Amino acid sequence: MSIKKMRFGFSVTARSGRARRGLLTTPHGDVDTPAFMPVATQGTVKTLTQKQVEELGASILLANTYHLMLRPGADRVASLGGLHGMMAWDKPILTDSGGFQVASLAALRRIDDEGVTFRSHLDGTLHALSPEKAVAIQEKLGSDIAMVLDECILYPAERRDVRQAAERTLAWARRCRARHHRSEQALFGIVQGGVDEDLRRENARALVELDFPGYGIGGLAVGEPKELTRAMTEVSTEELPDECPRYLMGAGTPEDLVESVARGVDLFDCVLPTRNARNGTLFTSRGKLAIKNARYTDDQRPLDPDCACYTCAHFSRAYVRHLFIAREMTGRTLNTIHNLHFYLELMRGIRKAIEEDRYQAFSHELSGIDNPLA
């Protein structure tokens, strides 16, 4: 599988308020932004083939460093042609650093200035993850965009703990920057600081001095109220360079995407559309739909009359409900196709609204998009 002869780049092509329309250039192709990255945790978007994901219009995927380092292992991925070769996915891939997984598995890990020591959730074996090792693993995975190792603090947290995590993340970012050698791979820094405005601004300014080609906004969507998520997102983007892409990590309701784009965010990822699909919750233009409800037993309408996805074009709510209740894998696949189509179509609408300089009106039209069906 050949790599196109191009390096990483980013340009803003249109604006509407603080919302930005851009073009991200990588060795495996371009990404129109704002963009949503479907999550391919272990090298696959759950329940879908790569062909199905591509047909939905996804231009970039996110893979999980923590899970891939444990299974099948970075060396094995490298021997199979890197993530692109192993997955047979010839489009851009972003890999996280494993920082969030380490935070969410707090009972299994110990953290200090050197890095993180943790026990595998698979077999209990002991592993050490330093900033240098996180970079080395991602270089072996061969992603187009890699992330520095960060310490993600869950909400709520004491200010001293948030400050310590932010300072440690900054120190780790310096070490990641020094270790990173793969020229065709971009390394992004990550802003921390919890929901403390002063800490977050301080951390972002210090991080920008390290001159990364792009920046993640971390430590949000970890239990804090929505108003704080949005306020801290805005604080972060205000401090980040206009010429660099900004990636809000892990925040992913449709309303989150719309509100964050209005604050200058360019990239998103979240397991919400795929996980909710497997659990029977569908996103529609009229709000969320719980397909397991008995009211849909004989409902011959599509999941969303305004949706043009494969699921809505061919199948009724009654059939999709039957598959879900019967625990047929096809039901999960059809649900995932629908939810990812919804998210990717939302991003297409967002980009068009920015191009036409009507983003504020567009966002108002979508108020209530996260609400369940009445």
Protein backbone atom coordinates (compact mmCIF):
# COMPACT_ATOMS: atom_id res chain seq x y z
CA MET A 1 0.00 0.00 0.00
CA SER A 2 1.73 3.18 -1.14
CA ILE A 3 1.80 6.42 0.80
CA LYS A 4 1.09 9.59 -1.11
CA LYS A 5 4.05 11.96 -1.13
CA MET A 6 2.68 14.70 1.07
CA ARG A 7 3.24 15.91 4.59
CA PHE A 8 0.90 17.19 7.25
CA GLY A 9 -0.74 20.57 6.75
CA PHE A 10 -3.82 22.57 7.69
CA SER A 11 -5.53 25.61 6.23
CA VAL A 12 -8.71 27.49 7.09
CA THR A 13 -10.81 28.04 3.96
CA ALA A 14 -13.95 29.72 5.33
CA ARG A 15 -15.30 31.22 8.55
CA SER A 16 -18.68 31.96 10.06
CA GLY A 17 -18.25 33.67 13.42
CA ARG A 18 -15.67 31.56 15.24
CA ALA A 19 -16.64 28.43 13.31
CA ARG A 20 -13.96 27.37 10.80
CA ARG A 21 -14.09 25.36 7.59
CA GLY A 22 -10.70 23.84 6.86
CA LEU A 23 -8.60 21.30 5.00
CA LEU A 24 -6.32 18.89 6.83
CA THR A 25 -3.60 17.33 4.66
CA THR A 26 -1.98 14.03 5.63
CA PRO A 27 0.17 11.38 3.89
CA HIS A 28 -2.97 9.27 3.41
CA GLY A 29 -5.21 11.98 2.02
CA ASP A 30 -7.15 15.09 2.90
CA VAL A 31 -9.78 15.61 5.59
CA ASP A 32 -12.43 18.31 5.26
CA THR A 33 -13.00 19.95 8.63
CA PRO A 34 -14.87 20.20 10.92
CA ALA A 35 -14.75 16.40 10.92
CA PHE A 36 -15.97 13.58 13.11
CA MET A 37 -13.67 10.57 13.50
CA PRO A 38 -15.45 7.23 13.97
CA VAL A 39 -13.73 5.23 16.69
CA ALA A 40 -11.91 2.10 15.52
CA THR A 41 -10.70 1.08 18.96
CA GLN A 42 -8.93 -2.16 18.03
CA GLY A 43 -8.43 -1.44 14.35
CA THR A 44 -12.10 -1.67 13.39
CA VAL A 45 -15.33 0.28 13.76
CA LYS A 46 -17.42 -2.21 15.69
CA THR A 47 -19.97 -4.18 13.58
CA LEU A 48 -18.88 -2.56 10.27
CA THR A 49 -16.39 -3.42 7.54
CA GLN A 50 -13.94 -0.80 6.32
CA LYS A 51 -15.86 -0.68 3.02
CA GLN A 52 -19.06 0.20 4.83
CA VAL A 53 -17.29 2.92 6.82
CA GLU A 54 -15.79 4.36 3.64
CA GLU A 55 -19.17 4.27 1.85
CA LEU A 56 -20.64 6.29 4.72
CA GLY A 57 -18.15 9.04 3.88
CA ALA A 58 -15.72 8.79 6.78
CA SER A 59 -12.39 10.35 5.84
CA ILE A 60 -10.43 9.67 9.05
CA LEU A 61 -10.61 7.08 11.85
CA LEU A 62 -9.35 7.04 15.43
CA ALA A 63 -7.59 3.97 16.84
CA ASN A 64 -6.73 3.25 20.45
CA THR A 65 -3.07 2.99 21.42
CA TYR A 66 -3.74 1.39 24.82
CA HIS A 67 -5.74 -1.50 23.41
CA LEU A 68 -3.48 -2.05 20.39
CA MET A 69 -0.30 -2.11 22.49
CA LEU A 70 -1.83 -4.93 24.54
CA ARG A 71 -3.35 -6.80 21.60
CA PRO A 72 -2.01 -7.60 19.02
CA GLY A 73 1.02 -5.49 20.04
CA ALA A 74 2.78 -2.61 18.28
CA ASP A 75 5.51 -4.80 16.77
CA ARG A 76 2.97 -7.16 15.24
CA VAL A 77 0.97 -4.23 13.80
CA ALA A 78 4.19 -2.86 12.30
CA SER A 79 5.01 -6.26 10.75
CA LEU A 80 1.56 -6.28 9.12
CA GLY A 81 2.16 -2.97 7.38
CA GLY A 82 1.19 -0.65 10.21
CA LEU A 83 -2.41 0.17 11.00
CA HIS A 84 -3.16 1.15 7.41
CA GLY A 85 -1.87 -2.14 6.03
CA MET A 86 -3.34 -4.33 8.75
CA MET A 87 -6.77 -2.69 8.50
CA ALA A 88 -6.72 -2.23 4.71
CA TRP A 89 -7.69 1.40 5.31
CA ASP A 90 -5.94 3.79 2.91
CA LYS A 91 -7.20 6.98 4.54
CA PRO A 92 -5.94 9.01 7.50
CA ILE A 93 -5.79 7.54 11.02
CA LEU A 94 -5.32 9.33 14.34
CA THR A 95 -4.12 7.38 17.37
CA ASP A 96 -4.64 8.51 20.93
CA SER A 97 -1.84 8.01 23.47
CA GLY A 98 -3.65 5.79 25.97
CA GLY A 99 -3.87 8.56 28.57
CA PHE A 100 -7.64 8.47 28.93
CA GLN A 101 -7.75 4.67 29.24
CA VAL A 102 -5.14 4.87 31.97
CA ALA A 103 -7.31 7.41 33.80
CA SER A 104 -10.47 5.33 33.45
CA LEU A 105 -8.64 2.24 34.76
CA ALA A 106 -7.46 4.05 37.90
CA ALA A 107 -7.74 0.95 40.08
CA LEU A 108 -5.20 -0.85 37.89
CA ARG A 109 -2.48 1.79 37.60
CA ARG A 110 0.13 3.92 39.38
CA ILE A 111 1.22 7.26 37.98
CA ASP A 112 4.30 9.40 38.67
CA ASP A 113 6.49 11.87 36.80
CA GLU A 114 8.19 9.09 34.84
CA GLY A 115 4.94 7.73 33.39
CA VAL A 116 2.27 5.17 34.15
CA THR A 117 2.55 1.62 35.42
CA PHE A 118 -0.61 -0.42 35.01
CA ARG A 119 -1.98 -3.92 34.96
CA SER A 120 -3.59 -5.13 31.75
CA HIS A 121 -7.35 -5.45 31.96
CA LEU A 122 -6.93 -8.55 29.76
CA ASP A 123 -4.60 -10.74 31.78
CA GLY A 124 -3.25 -8.72 34.70
CA THR A 125 0.29 -8.43 33.31
CA LEU A 126 2.27 -5.38 34.39
CA HIS A 127 3.15 -2.68 31.83
CA ALA A 128 5.00 0.65 31.96
CA LEU A 129 3.99 3.49 29.65
CA SER A 130 6.28 6.50 29.51
CA PRO A 131 5.96 9.52 27.20
CA GLU A 132 8.78 8.12 25.09
CA LYS A 133 7.17 4.69 24.86
CA ALA A 134 3.78 6.18 23.94
CA VAL A 135 5.43 7.94 21.00
CA ALA A 136 7.46 4.88 19.99
CA ILE A 137 4.32 2.71 19.94
CA GLN A 138 2.42 5.21 17.79
CA GLU A 139 5.34 5.47 15.38
CA LYS A 140 5.19 1.67 14.97
CA LEU A 141 1.42 1.84 14.47
CA GLY A 142 2.12 4.32 11.67
CA SER A 143 -0.81 6.66 12.24
CA ASP A 144 -0.96 9.99 10.41
CA ILE A 145 -1.57 11.87 13.67
CA ALA A 146 -0.24 10.78 17.08
CA MET A 147 -1.04 12.28 20.47
CA VAL A 148 1.31 13.04 23.35
CA LEU A 149 0.86 11.08 26.58
CA ASP A 150 -1.25 13.10 28.99
CA GLU A 151 -2.68 12.73 32.46
CA CYS A 152 -6.44 13.10 32.24
CA ILE A 153 -8.15 14.03 35.52
CA LEU A 154 -11.79 13.02 35.91
CA TYR A 155 -14.36 15.49 37.26
CA PRO A 156 -14.62 16.53 40.07
CA ALA A 157 -11.05 16.95 41.28
CA GLU A 158 -9.13 19.11 43.74
CA ARG A 159 -7.36 22.09 42.18
CA ARG A 160 -3.94 20.86 43.36
CA ASP A 161 -4.52 17.55 41.57
CA VAL A 162 -5.64 19.32 38.39
CA ARG A 163 -2.56 21.56 38.49
CA GLN A 164 -0.26 18.61 39.05
CA ALA A 165 -1.81 16.74 36.11
CA ALA A 166 -1.55 19.79 33.84
CA GLU A 167 2.10 20.38 34.78
CA ARG A 168 2.90 16.69 34.33
CA THR A 169 1.17 16.64 30.94
CA LEU A 170 3.25 19.65 29.85
CA ALA A 171 6.48 17.98 30.98
CA TRP A 172 5.47 14.80 29.16
CA ALA A 173 4.67 16.83 26.03
CA ARG A 174 8.26 18.12 26.01
CA ARG A 175 9.57 14.56 26.29
CA CYS A 176 7.23 13.32 23.55
CA ARG A 177 8.34 16.16 21.28
CA ALA A 178 12.01 15.26 21.82
CA ARG A 179 11.40 11.55 21.15
CA HIS A 180 9.23 11.90 18.05
CA HIS A 181 11.18 11.14 14.85
CA ARG A 182 8.69 9.96 12.22
CA SER A 183 8.61 12.89 9.82
CA GLU A 184 5.46 11.83 7.95
CA GLN A 185 3.51 11.61 11.23
CA ALA A 186 2.18 14.72 13.01
CA LEU A 187 2.38 14.83 16.81
CA PHE A 188 -0.32 16.84 18.60
CA GLY A 189 -0.01 18.36 22.08
CA ILE A 190 -2.89 18.14 24.57
CA VAL A 191 -4.24 20.99 26.69
CA GLN A 192 -5.20 20.06 30.25
CA GLY A 193 -6.37 22.14 33.21
CA GLY A 194 -9.74 20.66 34.10
CA VAL A 195 -12.49 23.23 34.54
CA ASP A 196 -10.17 25.86 36.02
CA GLU A 197 -9.92 28.72 33.52
CA ASP A 198 -6.61 30.08 34.82
CA LEU A 199 -4.92 26.67 34.83
CA ARG A 200 -6.23 25.85 31.36
CA ARG A 201 -5.05 29.15 29.85
CA GLU A 202 -1.66 28.77 31.54
CA ASN A 203 -1.28 25.21 30.26
CA ALA A 204 -2.37 26.09 26.71
CA ARG A 205 0.07 29.01 26.48
CA ALA A 206 2.99 26.92 27.67
CA LEU A 207 2.04 24.11 25.28
CA VAL A 208 1.87 26.50 22.30
CA GLU A 209 5.47 27.51 22.99
CA LEU A 210 6.46 23.93 22.09
CA ASP A 211 5.12 24.60 18.56
CA PHE A 212 3.08 21.47 17.85
CA PRO A 213 1.38 21.22 14.42
CA GLY A 214 -1.97 20.62 16.12
CA TYR A 215 -3.56 20.53 19.56
CA GLY A 216 -5.97 18.32 21.43
CA ILE A 217 -8.28 19.74 24.08
CA GLY A 218 -8.29 17.11 26.81
CA GLY A 219 -9.77 16.67 30.27
CA LEU A 220 -13.32 17.53 29.19
CA ALA A 221 -16.44 15.39 28.71
CA VAL A 222 -15.34 13.51 31.84
CA GLY A 223 -18.40 14.16 34.00
CA GLU A 224 -18.53 17.95 34.22
CA PRO A 225 -21.73 19.92 33.45
CA LYS A 226 -22.22 20.84 29.79
CA GLU A 227 -21.89 24.56 30.46
CA LEU A 228 -18.40 23.98 31.89
CA THR A 229 -17.43 21.81 28.92
CA ARG A 230 -18.36 24.62 26.55
CA ALA A 231 -16.75 27.34 28.63
CA MET A 232 -13.45 25.44 28.90
CA THR A 233 -13.55 24.56 25.20
CA GLU A 234 -13.83 28.25 24.40
CA VAL A 235 -11.04 29.14 26.83
CA SER A 236 -8.81 26.55 25.16
CA THR A 237 -9.46 27.58 21.56
CA GLU A 238 -8.87 31.23 22.46
CA GLU A 239 -5.30 30.34 23.46
CA LEU A 240 -4.48 28.01 20.54
CA PRO A 241 -2.95 29.15 17.23
CA ASP A 242 -5.42 30.02 14.51
CA GLU A 243 -3.33 28.24 11.88
CA CYS A 244 -3.40 24.86 13.69
CA PRO A 245 -6.18 22.25 13.92
CA ARG A 246 -7.98 21.90 17.26
CA TYR A 247 -9.28 18.56 18.39
CA LEU A 248 -11.84 18.24 21.22
CA MET A 249 -11.18 14.79 22.61
CA GLY A 250 -14.07 12.50 23.49
CA ALA A 251 -16.97 14.96 23.41
CA GLY A 252 -19.60 13.66 21.07
CA THR A 253 -23.33 14.28 21.38
CA PRO A 254 -24.69 16.01 18.27
CA GLU A 255 -25.25 19.14 20.36
CA ASP A 256 -21.64 18.94 21.60
CA LEU A 257 -20.41 18.97 18.01
CA VAL A 258 -22.58 21.91 16.99
CA GLU A 259 -21.70 23.98 20.06
CA SER A 260 -17.98 23.19 19.89
CA VAL A 261 -17.66 24.05 16.20
CA ALA A 262 -19.14 27.44 17.12
CA ARG A 263 -16.19 27.82 19.50
CA GLY A 264 -13.55 27.04 16.88
CA VAL A 265 -13.06 23.25 17.14
CA ASP A 266 -12.08 21.29 14.00
CA LEU A 267 -11.92 17.59 14.97
CA PHE A 268 -14.00 15.27 17.13
CA ASP A 269 -14.18 11.65 18.18
CA CYS A 270 -16.58 9.73 20.40
CA VAL A 271 -17.86 6.17 20.87
CA LEU A 272 -21.40 7.51 21.37
CA PRO A 273 -22.88 6.89 17.90
CA THR A 274 -21.52 3.35 17.62
CA ARG A 275 -22.05 2.34 21.25
CA ASN A 276 -25.57 3.75 21.30
CA ALA A 277 -26.30 1.92 18.05
CA ARG A 278 -25.31 -1.39 19.60
CA ASN A 279 -27.50 -0.58 22.60
CA GLY A 280 -30.51 0.32 20.44
CA THR A 281 -30.48 4.14 20.68
CA LEU A 282 -30.72 5.87 17.29
CA PHE A 283 -30.12 9.51 16.43
CA THR A 284 -32.70 11.09 14.14
CA SER A 285 -33.63 14.54 12.86
CA ARG A 286 -36.51 14.46 15.35
CA GLY A 287 -34.49 13.38 18.39
CA LYS A 288 -33.24 10.11 19.84
CA LEU A 289 -35.22 6.91 19.26
CA ALA A 290 -35.04 3.83 21.53
CA ILE A 291 -35.77 1.02 19.08
CA LYS A 292 -36.48 -1.57 21.81
CA ASN A 293 -39.70 0.25 22.76
CA ALA A 294 -42.82 -1.84 22.11
CA ARG A 295 -44.45 1.06 20.30
CA TYR A 296 -42.27 0.26 17.26
CA THR A 297 -43.33 -3.40 17.01
CA ASP A 298 -45.54 -2.80 13.95
CA ASP A 299 -44.13 0.57 12.85
CA GLN A 300 -43.53 0.44 9.09
CA ARG A 301 -41.79 3.81 8.91
CA PRO A 302 -37.98 4.11 8.55
CA LEU A 303 -35.95 5.10 11.59
CA ASP A 304 -35.85 8.67 10.26
CA PRO A 305 -38.05 9.74 7.31
CA ASP A 306 -35.49 12.43 6.46
CA CYS A 307 -32.52 10.05 6.38
CA ALA A 308 -31.03 8.62 3.17
CA CYS A 309 -28.82 5.95 4.78
CA TYR A 310 -28.95 2.30 3.69
CA THR A 311 -30.90 1.32 6.81
CA CYS A 312 -33.61 3.94 6.38
CA ALA A 313 -33.84 3.37 2.62
CA HIS A 314 -34.58 -0.36 2.99
CA PHE A 315 -35.92 -1.31 6.43
CA SER A 316 -38.76 -0.45 8.80
CA ARG A 317 -38.59 0.35 12.49
CA ALA A 318 -40.50 -2.86 13.07
CA TYR A 319 -37.83 -4.95 11.35
CA VAL A 320 -34.92 -3.17 13.03
CA ARG A 321 -36.65 -3.62 16.40
CA HIS A 322 -37.18 -7.32 15.69
CA LEU A 323 -33.46 -7.75 14.96
CA PHE A 324 -32.51 -5.89 18.12
CA ILE A 325 -34.87 -7.89 20.35
CA ALA A 326 -33.69 -11.12 18.71
CA ARG A 327 -30.06 -10.04 19.30
CA GLU A 328 -29.17 -10.51 15.67
CA MET A 329 -25.82 -8.98 14.69
CA THR A 330 -27.41 -7.54 11.54
CA GLY A 331 -29.50 -5.28 13.76
CA ARG A 332 -26.40 -3.79 15.36
CA THR A 333 -24.86 -3.30 11.93
CA LEU A 334 -27.94 -1.51 10.57
CA ASN A 335 -28.13 0.67 13.69
CA THR A 336 -24.45 1.59 13.41
CA ILE A 337 -24.77 2.43 9.72
CA HIS A 338 -27.65 4.75 10.57
CA ASN A 339 -25.98 6.50 13.53
CA LEU A 340 -22.68 7.06 11.75
CA HIS A 341 -24.52 8.35 8.69
CA PHE A 342 -26.37 10.76 10.96
CA TYR A 343 -23.11 12.06 12.48
CA LEU A 344 -21.25 12.34 9.18
CA GLU A 345 -24.23 14.03 7.52
CA LEU A 346 -24.37 16.47 10.43
CA MET A 347 -20.72 17.35 9.81
CA ARG A 348 -21.42 17.84 6.09
CA GLY A 349 -24.23 20.24 7.02
CA ILE A 350 -21.95 22.06 9.44
CA ARG A 351 -19.26 22.54 6.77
CA LYS A 352 -21.82 23.81 4.25
CA ALA A 353 -23.29 26.28 6.76
CA ILE A 354 -19.83 27.68 7.46
CA GLU A 355 -19.06 28.01 3.75
CA GLU A 356 -22.30 29.97 3.32
CA ASP A 357 -21.63 32.06 6.46
CA ARG A 358 -24.89 31.07 8.16
CA TYR A 359 -23.60 28.96 11.01
CA GLN A 360 -25.44 30.77 13.78
CA ALA A 361 -28.79 30.24 12.05
CA PHE A 362 -27.88 26.62 11.31
CA SER A 363 -27.07 25.90 14.95
CA HIS A 364 -30.35 27.45 16.09
CA GLU A 365 -32.25 25.20 13.69
CA LEU A 366 -30.74 22.17 15.44
CA SER A 367 -31.76 23.11 18.98
CA GLY A 368 -33.19 20.04 20.69
CA ILE A 369 -31.28 17.65 18.44
CA ASP A 370 -30.23 15.57 21.47
CA ASN A 371 -33.74 15.28 22.91
CA PRO A 372 -35.59 11.95 22.84
CA LEU A 373 -38.65 11.52 20.67
CA ALA A 374 -41.86 12.52 22.39
